[in-house]
Amino acid sequence: MHGQQVFGGHGYIREWGQEQLVRDVRITRIYEGTNGIQALDLMGRKVVANGGAYYRRFSSEVRAFIEANESEFSTP
């Protein structure tokens, strides 16, 4: 971002790749914001929906899988 301000003119920043760097930085910010919003939605609405019933069901399935496959993953 600062490099774009230092280099100045449009042709100059395109020639040295600064334009691509600025675009890459912007898209990273968008991805981070989107991931944060999705995480908040997952935790805030879906996991705690119905008093946490969905989470309890999921965790019981995970526990059952671990117990059923415990001998396969334990060290001798």
C-alpha atoms as a PDB file:
ATOM      1  CA  MET A   1       0.000   0.000   0.000  1.00  0.00           C
ATOM      2  CA  HIS A   2       2.757   2.445   0.935  1.00  0.00           C
ATOM      3  CA  GLY A   3       4.685   1.389  -2.153  1.00  0.00           C
ATOM      4  CA  GLN A   4       1.805   2.520  -4.320  1.00  0.00           C
ATOM      5  CA  GLN A   5       1.864   5.948  -2.690  1.00  0.00           C
ATOM      6  CA  VAL A   6       5.635   6.222  -3.111  1.00  0.00           C
ATOM      7  CA  PHE A   7       5.722   5.061  -6.742  1.00  0.00           C
ATOM      8  CA  GLY A   8       2.885   7.331  -7.767  1.00  0.00           C
ATOM      9  CA  GLY A   9       1.803   7.189 -11.412  1.00  0.00           C
ATOM     10  CA  HIS A  10      -0.353   4.421 -12.828  1.00  0.00           C
ATOM     11  CA  GLY A  11       2.096   3.320 -15.537  1.00  0.00           C
ATOM     12  CA  TYR A  12       4.972   3.104 -13.111  1.00  0.00           C
ATOM     13  CA  ILE A  13       3.171   0.946 -10.574  1.00  0.00           C
ATOM     14  CA  ARG A  14       1.941  -1.392 -13.307  1.00  0.00           C
ATOM     15  CA  GLU A  15       5.427  -1.782 -14.729  1.00  0.00           C
ATOM     16  CA  TRP A  16       6.933  -2.813 -11.400  1.00  0.00           C
ATOM     17  CA  GLY A  17       4.109  -5.117 -10.294  1.00  0.00           C
ATOM     18  CA  GLN A  18       2.902  -2.869  -7.510  1.00  0.00           C
ATOM     19  CA  GLU A  19      -0.627  -2.912  -8.898  1.00  0.00           C
ATOM     20  CA  GLN A  20      -0.841  -6.711  -8.483  1.00  0.00           C
ATOM     21  CA  LEU A  21       0.506  -6.531  -4.933  1.00  0.00           C
ATOM     22  CA  VAL A  22      -2.178  -4.010  -3.967  1.00  0.00           C
ATOM     23  CA  ARG A  23      -4.896  -6.251  -5.446  1.00  0.00           C
ATOM     24  CA  ASP A  24      -3.519  -9.280  -3.585  1.00  0.00           C
ATOM     25  CA  VAL A  25      -3.540  -7.419  -0.273  1.00  0.00           C
ATOM     26  CA  ARG A  26      -7.119  -6.264  -0.785  1.00  0.00           C
ATOM     27  CA  ILE A  27      -8.427  -9.748  -1.575  1.00  0.00           C
ATOM     28  CA  THR A  28      -6.775 -11.128   1.565  1.00  0.00           C
ATOM     29  CA  ARG A  29      -8.691  -8.591   3.658  1.00  0.00           C
ATOM     30  CA  ILE A  30     -11.936  -9.618   1.969  1.00  0.00           C
ATOM     31  CA  TYR A  31     -11.267 -13.328   2.595  1.00  0.00           C
ATOM     32  CA  GLU A  32     -10.427 -12.700   6.253  1.00  0.00           C
ATOM     33  CA  GLY A  33     -13.624 -10.721   6.756  1.00  0.00           C
ATOM     34  CA  THR A  34     -15.723 -13.377   5.047  1.00  0.00           C
ATOM     35  CA  ASN A  35     -14.194 -16.170   7.123  1.00  0.00           C
ATOM     36  CA  GLY A  36     -14.801 -14.195  10.298  1.00  0.00           C
ATOM     37  CA  ILE A  37     -18.436 -13.596   9.429  1.00  0.00           C
ATOM     38  CA  GLN A  38     -18.962 -17.276   8.616  1.00  0.00           C
ATOM     39  CA  ALA A  39     -17.310 -18.330  11.884  1.00  0.00           C
ATOM     40  CA  LEU A  40     -19.515 -15.977  13.877  1.00  0.00           C
ATOM     41  CA  ASP A  41     -22.596 -17.321  12.086  1.00  0.00           C
ATOM     42  CA  LEU A  42     -21.569 -20.919  12.741  1.00  0.00           C
ATOM     43  CA  MET A  43     -20.896 -20.400  16.423  1.00  0.00           C
ATOM     44  CA  GLY A  44     -23.550 -17.801  17.116  1.00  0.00           C
ATOM     45  CA  ARG A  45     -26.500 -19.378  15.356  1.00  0.00           C
ATOM     46  CA  LYS A  46     -25.925 -22.924  14.216  1.00  0.00           C
ATOM     47  CA  VAL A  47     -23.924 -24.455  17.065  1.00  0.00           C
ATOM     48  CA  VAL A  48     -26.061 -23.017  19.837  1.00  0.00           C
ATOM     49  CA  ALA A  49     -29.363 -23.497  17.988  1.00  0.00           C
ATOM     50  CA  ASN A  50     -31.934 -25.560  19.850  1.00  0.00           C
ATOM     51  CA  GLY A  51     -30.007 -25.199  23.086  1.00  0.00           C
ATOM     52  CA  GLY A  52     -26.893 -26.840  21.628  1.00  0.00           C
ATOM     53  CA  ALA A  53     -28.710 -29.995  20.470  1.00  0.00           C
ATOM     54  CA  TYR A  54     -26.890 -30.060  17.128  1.00  0.00           C
ATOM     55  CA  TYR A  55     -23.527 -29.741  18.842  1.00  0.00           C
ATOM     56  CA  ARG A  56     -24.321 -32.503  21.332  1.00  0.00           C
ATOM     57  CA  ARG A  57     -25.374 -34.793  18.483  1.00  0.00           C
ATOM     58  CA  PHE A  58     -22.219 -34.055  16.508  1.00  0.00           C
ATOM     59  CA  SER A  59     -19.936 -34.514  19.520  1.00  0.00           C
ATOM     60  CA  SER A  60     -21.594 -37.823  20.412  1.00  0.00           C
ATOM     61  CA  GLU A  61     -20.961 -39.066  16.856  1.00  0.00           C
ATOM     62  CA  VAL A  62     -17.323 -38.000  17.097  1.00  0.00           C
ATOM     63  CA  ARG A  63     -16.939 -39.754  20.471  1.00  0.00           C
ATOM     64  CA  ALA A  64     -18.532 -42.927  19.102  1.00  0.00           C
ATOM     65  CA  PHE A  65     -16.157 -42.903  16.132  1.00  0.00           C
ATOM     66  CA  ILE A  66     -13.129 -42.411  18.369  1.00  0.00           C
ATOM     67  CA  GLU A  67     -14.197 -45.224  20.703  1.00  0.00           C
ATOM     68  CA  ALA A  68     -14.877 -47.575  17.784  1.00  0.00           C
ATOM     69  CA  ASN A  69     -11.466 -46.880  16.240  1.00  0.00           C
ATOM     70  CA  GLU A  70      -9.405 -46.333  19.377  1.00  0.00           C
ATOM     71  CA  SER A  71      -7.355 -49.514  19.030  1.00  0.00           C
ATOM     72  CA  GLU A  72      -6.352 -48.540  15.481  1.00  0.00           C
ATOM     73  CA  PHE A  73      -4.815 -45.262  16.629  1.00  0.00           C
ATOM     74  CA  SER A  74      -3.303 -46.233  19.982  1.00  0.00           C
ATOM     75  CA  THR A  75       0.443 -46.768  20.261  1.00  0.00           C
ATOM     76  CA  PRO A  76       1.694 -50.252  21.256  1.00  0.00           C
END
